[in-house]
Amino acid sequence: MPVASRVMLSLYDLLGRAVADLVNEQKATGRYEVDFDGRGLPSGIYLYRLISGRYGEARKMLLLR
């Protein structure tokens, strides 16, 4: 039986301000994809943070328009 945990995927600008919450829900163990539409954001470097259970990671993302 798959294990479910709270999954949060958030996007931040370089000043640390939250730009978008892309996922914030219970998810069963597995592989998922998220569609992101950055049309309202300027080009630049953003940070995204993924938290699932006790796992957490942040990475940089370059958005080009």
PDB file of N, CA and C in Angstrom:
ATOM      1  N   MET A   1       0.847  -1.189   0.000  1.00  0.00           N
ATOM      2  CA  MET A   1       0.000   0.000   0.000  1.00  0.00           C
ATOM      3  C   MET A   1       0.888   1.247   0.000  1.00  0.00           C
ATOM      4  N   PRO A   2       0.658   2.193  -0.921  1.00  0.00           N
ATOM      5  CA  PRO A   2       1.490   3.396  -0.997  1.00  0.00           C
ATOM      6  C   PRO A   2       1.353   4.269   0.253  1.00  0.00           C
ATOM      7  N   VAL A   3       2.454   4.864   0.627  1.00  0.00           N
ATOM      8  CA  VAL A   3       2.479   5.764   1.776  1.00  0.00           C
ATOM      9  C   VAL A   3       2.197   7.175   1.289  1.00  0.00           C
ATOM     10  N   ALA A   4       1.345   7.917   2.003  1.00  0.00           N
ATOM     11  CA  ALA A   4       1.030   9.297   1.641  1.00  0.00           C
ATOM     12  C   ALA A   4       1.720  10.245   2.613  1.00  0.00           C
ATOM     13  N   SER A   5       2.163  11.377   2.111  1.00  0.00           N
ATOM     14  CA  SER A   5       2.736  12.415   2.961  1.00  0.00           C
ATOM     15  C   SER A   5       2.408  13.776   2.367  1.00  0.00           C
ATOM     16  N   ARG A   6       2.532  14.802   3.174  1.00  0.00           N
ATOM     17  CA  ARG A   6       2.290  16.173   2.740  1.00  0.00           C
ATOM     18  C   ARG A   6       3.425  16.580   1.806  1.00  0.00           C
ATOM     19  N   VAL A   7       3.089  17.088   0.625  1.00  0.00           N
ATOM     20  CA  VAL A   7       4.069  17.545  -0.355  1.00  0.00           C
ATOM     21  C   VAL A   7       3.829  19.021  -0.614  1.00  0.00           C
ATOM     22  N   MET A   8       4.904  19.808  -0.524  1.00  0.00           N
ATOM     23  CA  MET A   8       4.824  21.238  -0.804  1.00  0.00           C
ATOM     24  C   MET A   8       5.905  21.606  -1.815  1.00  0.00           C
ATOM     25  N   LEU A   9       5.508  22.297  -2.858  1.00  0.00           N
ATOM     26  CA  LEU A   9       6.434  22.806  -3.869  1.00  0.00           C
ATOM     27  C   LEU A   9       6.137  24.286  -4.029  1.00  0.00           C
ATOM     28  N   SER A  10       7.119  25.121  -3.679  1.00  0.00           N
ATOM     29  CA  SER A  10       6.920  26.569  -3.692  1.00  0.00           C
ATOM     30  C   SER A  10       8.014  27.243  -4.499  1.00  0.00           C
ATOM     31  N   LEU A  11       7.685  28.399  -5.066  1.00  0.00           N
ATOM     32  CA  LEU A  11       8.610  29.181  -5.872  1.00  0.00           C
ATOM     33  C   LEU A  11       8.851  30.520  -5.184  1.00  0.00           C
ATOM     34  N   TYR A  12      10.136  30.935  -5.131  1.00  0.00           N
ATOM     35  CA  TYR A  12      10.522  32.172  -4.451  1.00  0.00           C
ATOM     36  C   TYR A  12      11.402  33.013  -5.364  1.00  0.00           C
ATOM     37  N   ASP A  13      11.358  34.343  -5.175  1.00  0.00           N
ATOM     38  CA  ASP A  13      12.309  35.204  -5.877  1.00  0.00           C
ATOM     39  C   ASP A  13      13.602  35.239  -5.067  1.00  0.00           C
ATOM     40  N   LEU A  14      14.616  35.937  -5.556  1.00  0.00           N
ATOM     41  CA  LEU A  14      15.910  35.938  -4.882  1.00  0.00           C
ATOM     42  C   LEU A  14      15.906  36.708  -3.569  1.00  0.00           C
ATOM     43  N   LEU A  15      14.859  37.479  -3.307  1.00  0.00           N
ATOM     44  CA  LEU A  15      14.738  38.171  -2.032  1.00  0.00           C
ATOM     45  C   LEU A  15      14.014  37.320  -0.994  1.00  0.00           C
ATOM     46  N   GLY A  16      13.617  36.110  -1.389  1.00  0.00           N
ATOM     47  CA  GLY A  16      12.965  35.199  -0.470  1.00  0.00           C
ATOM     48  C   GLY A  16      11.460  35.355  -0.383  1.00  0.00           C
ATOM     49  N   ARG A  17      10.888  36.175  -1.259  1.00  0.00           N
ATOM     50  CA  ARG A  17       9.429  36.354  -1.249  1.00  0.00           C
ATOM     51  C   ARG A  17       8.770  35.221  -2.015  1.00  0.00           C
ATOM     52  N   ALA A  18       7.710  34.669  -1.442  1.00  0.00           N
ATOM     53  CA  ALA A  18       6.974  33.591  -2.107  1.00  0.00           C
ATOM     54  C   ALA A  18       6.304  34.142  -3.359  1.00  0.00           C
ATOM     55  N   VAL A  19       6.514  33.486  -4.475  1.00  0.00           N
ATOM     56  CA  VAL A  19       5.941  33.895  -5.755  1.00  0.00           C
ATOM     57  C   VAL A  19       4.742  33.019  -6.105  1.00  0.00           C
ATOM     58  N   ALA A  20       4.851  31.707  -5.827  1.00  0.00           N
ATOM     59  CA  ALA A  20       3.759  30.783  -6.156  1.00  0.00           C
ATOM     60  C   ALA A  20       3.869  29.528  -5.302  1.00  0.00           C
ATOM     61  N   ASP A  21       2.722  29.016  -4.891  1.00  0.00           N
ATOM     62  CA  ASP A  21       2.637  27.697  -4.270  1.00  0.00           C
ATOM     63  C   ASP A  21       2.086  26.761  -5.333  1.00  0.00           C
ATOM     64  N   LEU A  22       2.916  25.875  -5.833  1.00  0.00           N
ATOM     65  CA  LEU A  22       2.527  25.007  -6.937  1.00  0.00           C
ATOM     66  C   LEU A  22       1.844  23.734  -6.464  1.00  0.00           C
ATOM     67  N   VAL A  23       2.265  23.205  -5.317  1.00  0.00           N
ATOM     68  CA  VAL A  23       1.652  22.002  -4.747  1.00  0.00           C
ATOM     69  C   VAL A  23       1.638  22.170  -3.237  1.00  0.00           C
ATOM     70  N   ASN A  24       0.512  21.824  -2.624  1.00  0.00           N
ATOM     71  CA  ASN A  24       0.402  21.817  -1.167  1.00  0.00           C
ATOM     72  C   ASN A  24      -0.716  20.849  -0.800  1.00  0.00           C
ATOM     73  N   GLU A  25      -0.408  19.543  -0.844  1.00  0.00           N
ATOM     74  CA  GLU A  25      -1.437  18.531  -0.603  1.00  0.00           C
ATOM     75  C   GLU A  25      -0.816  17.197  -0.248  1.00  0.00           C
ATOM     76  N   GLN A  26      -1.632  16.285   0.223  1.00  0.00           N
ATOM     77  CA  GLN A  26      -1.211  14.922   0.496  1.00  0.00           C
ATOM     78  C   GLN A  26      -1.040  14.202  -0.842  1.00  0.00           C
ATOM     79  N   LYS A  27       0.068  13.484  -0.979  1.00  0.00           N
ATOM     80  CA  LYS A  27       0.324  12.708  -2.198  1.00  0.00           C
ATOM     81  C   LYS A  27       0.818  11.329  -1.798  1.00  0.00           C
ATOM     82  N   ALA A  28       0.384  10.327  -2.530  1.00  0.00           N
ATOM     83  CA  ALA A  28       0.902   8.979  -2.335  1.00  0.00           C
ATOM     84  C   ALA A  28       2.297   8.892  -2.946  1.00  0.00           C
ATOM     85  N   THR A  29       3.084   7.952  -2.479  1.00  0.00           N
ATOM     86  CA  THR A  29       4.417   7.731  -3.028  1.00  0.00           C
ATOM     87  C   THR A  29       4.310   7.501  -4.534  1.00  0.00           C
ATOM     88  N   GLY A  30       5.169   8.161  -5.296  1.00  0.00           N
ATOM     89  CA  GLY A  30       5.132   8.004  -6.744  1.00  0.00           C
ATOM     90  C   GLY A  30       5.850   9.136  -7.433  1.00  0.00           C
ATOM     91  N   ARG A  31       5.669   9.219  -8.728  1.00  0.00           N
ATOM     92  CA  ARG A  31       6.304  10.231  -9.568  1.00  0.00           C
ATOM     93  C   ARG A  31       5.219  11.151 -10.099  1.00  0.00           C
ATOM     94  N   TYR A  32       5.457  12.454 -10.007  1.00  0.00           N
ATOM     95  CA  TYR A  32       4.461  13.435 -10.412  1.00  0.00           C
ATOM     96  C   TYR A  32       5.107  14.521 -11.262  1.00  0.00           C
ATOM     97  N   GLU A  33       4.296  15.210 -12.041  1.00  0.00           N
ATOM     98  CA  GLU A  33       4.724  16.368 -12.816  1.00  0.00           C
ATOM     99  C   GLU A  33       3.829  17.542 -12.461  1.00  0.00           C
ATOM    100  N   VAL A  34       4.397  18.744 -12.548  1.00  0.00           N
ATOM    101  CA  VAL A  34       3.643  19.964 -12.276  1.00  0.00           C
ATOM    102  C   VAL A  34       3.844  20.906 -13.450  1.00  0.00           C
ATOM    103  N   ASP A  35       2.757  21.416 -14.001  1.00  0.00           N
ATOM    104  CA  ASP A  35       2.843  22.434 -15.052  1.00  0.00           C
ATOM    105  C   ASP A  35       2.920  23.803 -14.390  1.00  0.00           C
ATOM    106  N   PHE A  36       3.869  24.607 -14.838  1.00  0.00           N
ATOM    107  CA  PHE A  36       4.076  25.938 -14.277  1.00  0.00           C
ATOM    108  C   PHE A  36       3.986  26.962 -15.397  1.00  0.00           C
ATOM    109  N   ASP A  37       3.143  27.954 -15.220  1.00  0.00           N
ATOM    110  CA  ASP A  37       2.988  29.025 -16.201  1.00  0.00           C
ATOM    111  C   ASP A  37       3.575  30.301 -15.601  1.00  0.00           C
ATOM    112  N   GLY A  38       4.742  30.694 -16.069  1.00  0.00           N
ATOM    113  CA  GLY A  38       5.423  31.861 -15.529  1.00  0.00           C
ATOM    114  C   GLY A  38       5.182  33.132 -16.324  1.00  0.00           C
ATOM    115  N   ARG A  39       4.064  33.208 -17.055  1.00  0.00           N
ATOM    116  CA  ARG A  39       3.806  34.395 -17.896  1.00  0.00           C
ATOM    117  C   ARG A  39       3.755  35.694 -17.109  1.00  0.00           C
ATOM    118  N   GLY A  40       3.324  35.664 -15.862  1.00  0.00           N
ATOM    119  CA  GLY A  40       3.206  36.892 -15.082  1.00  0.00           C
ATOM    120  C   GLY A  40       4.486  37.292 -14.371  1.00  0.00           C
ATOM    121  N   LEU A  41       5.557  36.545 -14.596  1.00  0.00           N
ATOM    122  CA  LEU A  41       6.817  36.806 -13.898  1.00  0.00           C
ATOM    123  C   LEU A  41       7.873  37.319 -14.863  1.00  0.00           C
ATOM    124  N   PRO A  42       8.738  38.209 -14.394  1.00  0.00           N
ATOM    125  CA  PRO A  42       9.834  38.666 -15.256  1.00  0.00           C
ATOM    126  C   PRO A  42      10.923  37.607 -15.349  1.00  0.00           C
ATOM    127  N   SER A  43      11.751  37.704 -16.386  1.00  0.00           N
ATOM    128  CA  SER A  43      12.899  36.808 -16.517  1.00  0.00           C
ATOM    129  C   SER A  43      13.817  36.984 -15.323  1.00  0.00           C
ATOM    130  N   GLY A  44      14.470  35.913 -14.937  1.00  0.00           N
ATOM    131  CA  GLY A  44      15.411  36.014 -13.828  1.00  0.00           C
ATOM    132  C   GLY A  44      15.627  34.672 -13.162  1.00  0.00           C
ATOM    133  N   ILE A  45      16.335  34.714 -12.054  1.00  0.00           N
ATOM    134  CA  ILE A  45      16.625  33.518 -11.278  1.00  0.00           C
ATOM    135  C   ILE A  45      15.623  33.415 -10.145  1.00  0.00           C
ATOM    136  N   TYR A  46      15.078  32.227  -9.980  1.00  0.00           N
ATOM    137  CA  TYR A  46      14.125  31.939  -8.918  1.00  0.00           C
ATOM    138  C   TYR A  46      14.596  30.698  -8.171  1.00  0.00           C
ATOM    139  N   LEU A  47      14.094  30.526  -6.981  1.00  0.00           N
ATOM    140  CA  LEU A  47      14.375  29.335  -6.195  1.00  0.00           C
ATOM    141  C   LEU A  47      13.088  28.549  -6.047  1.00  0.00           C
ATOM    142  N   TYR A  48      13.186  27.238  -6.158  1.00  0.00           N
ATOM    143  CA  TYR A  48      12.022  26.423  -5.853  1.00  0.00           C
ATOM    144  C   TYR A  48      12.397  25.476  -4.723  1.00  0.00           C
ATOM    145  N   ARG A  49      11.431  25.220  -3.855  1.00  0.00           N
ATOM    146  CA  ARG A  49      11.664  24.378  -2.685  1.00  0.00           C
ATOM    147  C   ARG A  49      10.637  23.265  -2.655  1.00  0.00           C
ATOM    148  N   LEU A  50      11.120  22.043  -2.522  1.00  0.00           N
ATOM    149  CA  LEU A  50      10.278  20.858  -2.446  1.00  0.00           C
ATOM    150  C   LEU A  50      10.432  20.261  -1.059  1.00  0.00           C
ATOM    151  N   ILE A  51       9.308  20.040  -0.381  1.00  0.00           N
ATOM    152  CA  ILE A  51       9.306  19.391   0.928  1.00  0.00           C
ATOM    153  C   ILE A  51       8.310  18.251   0.864  1.00  0.00           C
ATOM    154  N   SER A  52       8.765  17.063   1.274  1.00  0.00           N
ATOM    155  CA  SER A  52       7.904  15.881   1.304  1.00  0.00           C
ATOM    156  C   SER A  52       8.288  15.062   2.517  1.00  0.00           C
ATOM    157  N   GLY A  53       7.411  15.017   3.513  1.00  0.00           N
ATOM    158  CA  GLY A  53       7.738  14.301   4.743  1.00  0.00           C
ATOM    159  C   GLY A  53       8.955  14.924   5.394  1.00  0.00           C
ATOM    160  N   ARG A  54       9.993  14.120   5.622  1.00  0.00           N
ATOM    161  CA  ARG A  54      11.227  14.643   6.226  1.00  0.00           C
ATOM    162  C   ARG A  54      12.247  15.088   5.178  1.00  0.00           C
ATOM    163  N   TYR A  55      11.933  14.918   3.899  1.00  0.00           N
ATOM    164  CA  TYR A  55      12.837  15.299   2.809  1.00  0.00           C
ATOM    165  C   TYR A  55      12.571  16.743   2.401  1.00  0.00           C
ATOM    166  N   GLY A  56      13.624  17.500   2.200  1.00  0.00           N
ATOM    167  CA  GLY A  56      13.484  18.865   1.714  1.00  0.00           C
ATOM    168  C   GLY A  56      14.679  19.245   0.857  1.00  0.00           C
ATOM    169  N   GLU A  57      14.425  20.003  -0.193  1.00  0.00           N
ATOM    170  CA  GLU A  57      15.502  20.416  -1.089  1.00  0.00           C
ATOM    171  C   GLU A  57      15.113  21.722  -1.765  1.00  0.00           C
ATOM    172  N   ALA A  58      16.103  22.575  -2.011  1.00  0.00           N
ATOM    173  CA  ALA A  58      15.888  23.825  -2.737  1.00  0.00           C
ATOM    174  C   ALA A  58      16.885  23.877  -3.893  1.00  0.00           C
ATOM    175  N   ARG A  59      16.428  24.396  -5.018  1.00  0.00           N
ATOM    176  CA  ARG A  59      17.264  24.509  -6.212  1.00  0.00           C
ATOM    177  C   ARG A  59      16.986  25.840  -6.905  1.00  0.00           C
ATOM    178  N   LYS A  60      17.920  26.231  -7.760  1.00  0.00           N
ATOM    179  CA  LYS A  60      17.743  27.446  -8.569  1.00  0.00           C
ATOM    180  C   LYS A  60      17.076  27.111  -9.891  1.00  0.00           C
ATOM    181  N   MET A  61      16.363  28.088 -10.418  1.00  0.00           N
ATOM    182  CA  MET A  61      15.715  27.934 -11.716  1.00  0.00           C
ATOM    183  C   MET A  61      15.880  29.244 -12.479  1.00  0.00           C
ATOM    184  N   LEU A  62      16.203  29.152 -13.748  1.00  0.00           N
ATOM    185  CA  LEU A  62      16.322  30.325 -14.610  1.00  0.00           C
ATOM    186  C   LEU A  62      15.088  30.414 -15.487  1.00  0.00           C
ATOM    187  N   LEU A  63      14.386  31.522 -15.382  1.00  0.00           N
ATOM    188  CA  LEU A  63      13.173  31.749 -16.196  1.00  0.00           C
ATOM    189  C   LEU A  63      13.533  32.765 -17.274  1.00  0.00           C
ATOM    190  N   LEU A  64      13.411  32.352 -18.531  1.00  0.00           N
ATOM    191  CA  LEU A  64      13.678  33.233 -19.670  1.00  0.00           C
ATOM    192  C   LEU A  64      12.379  33.511 -20.406  1.00  0.00           C
ATOM    193  N   ARG A  65      12.138  34.739 -20.733  1.00  0.00           N
ATOM    194  CA  ARG A  65      10.915  35.133 -21.428  1.00  0.00           C
ATOM    195  C   ARG A  65      11.262  35.653 -22.796  1.00  0.00           C
TER     196      ARG A  65
END
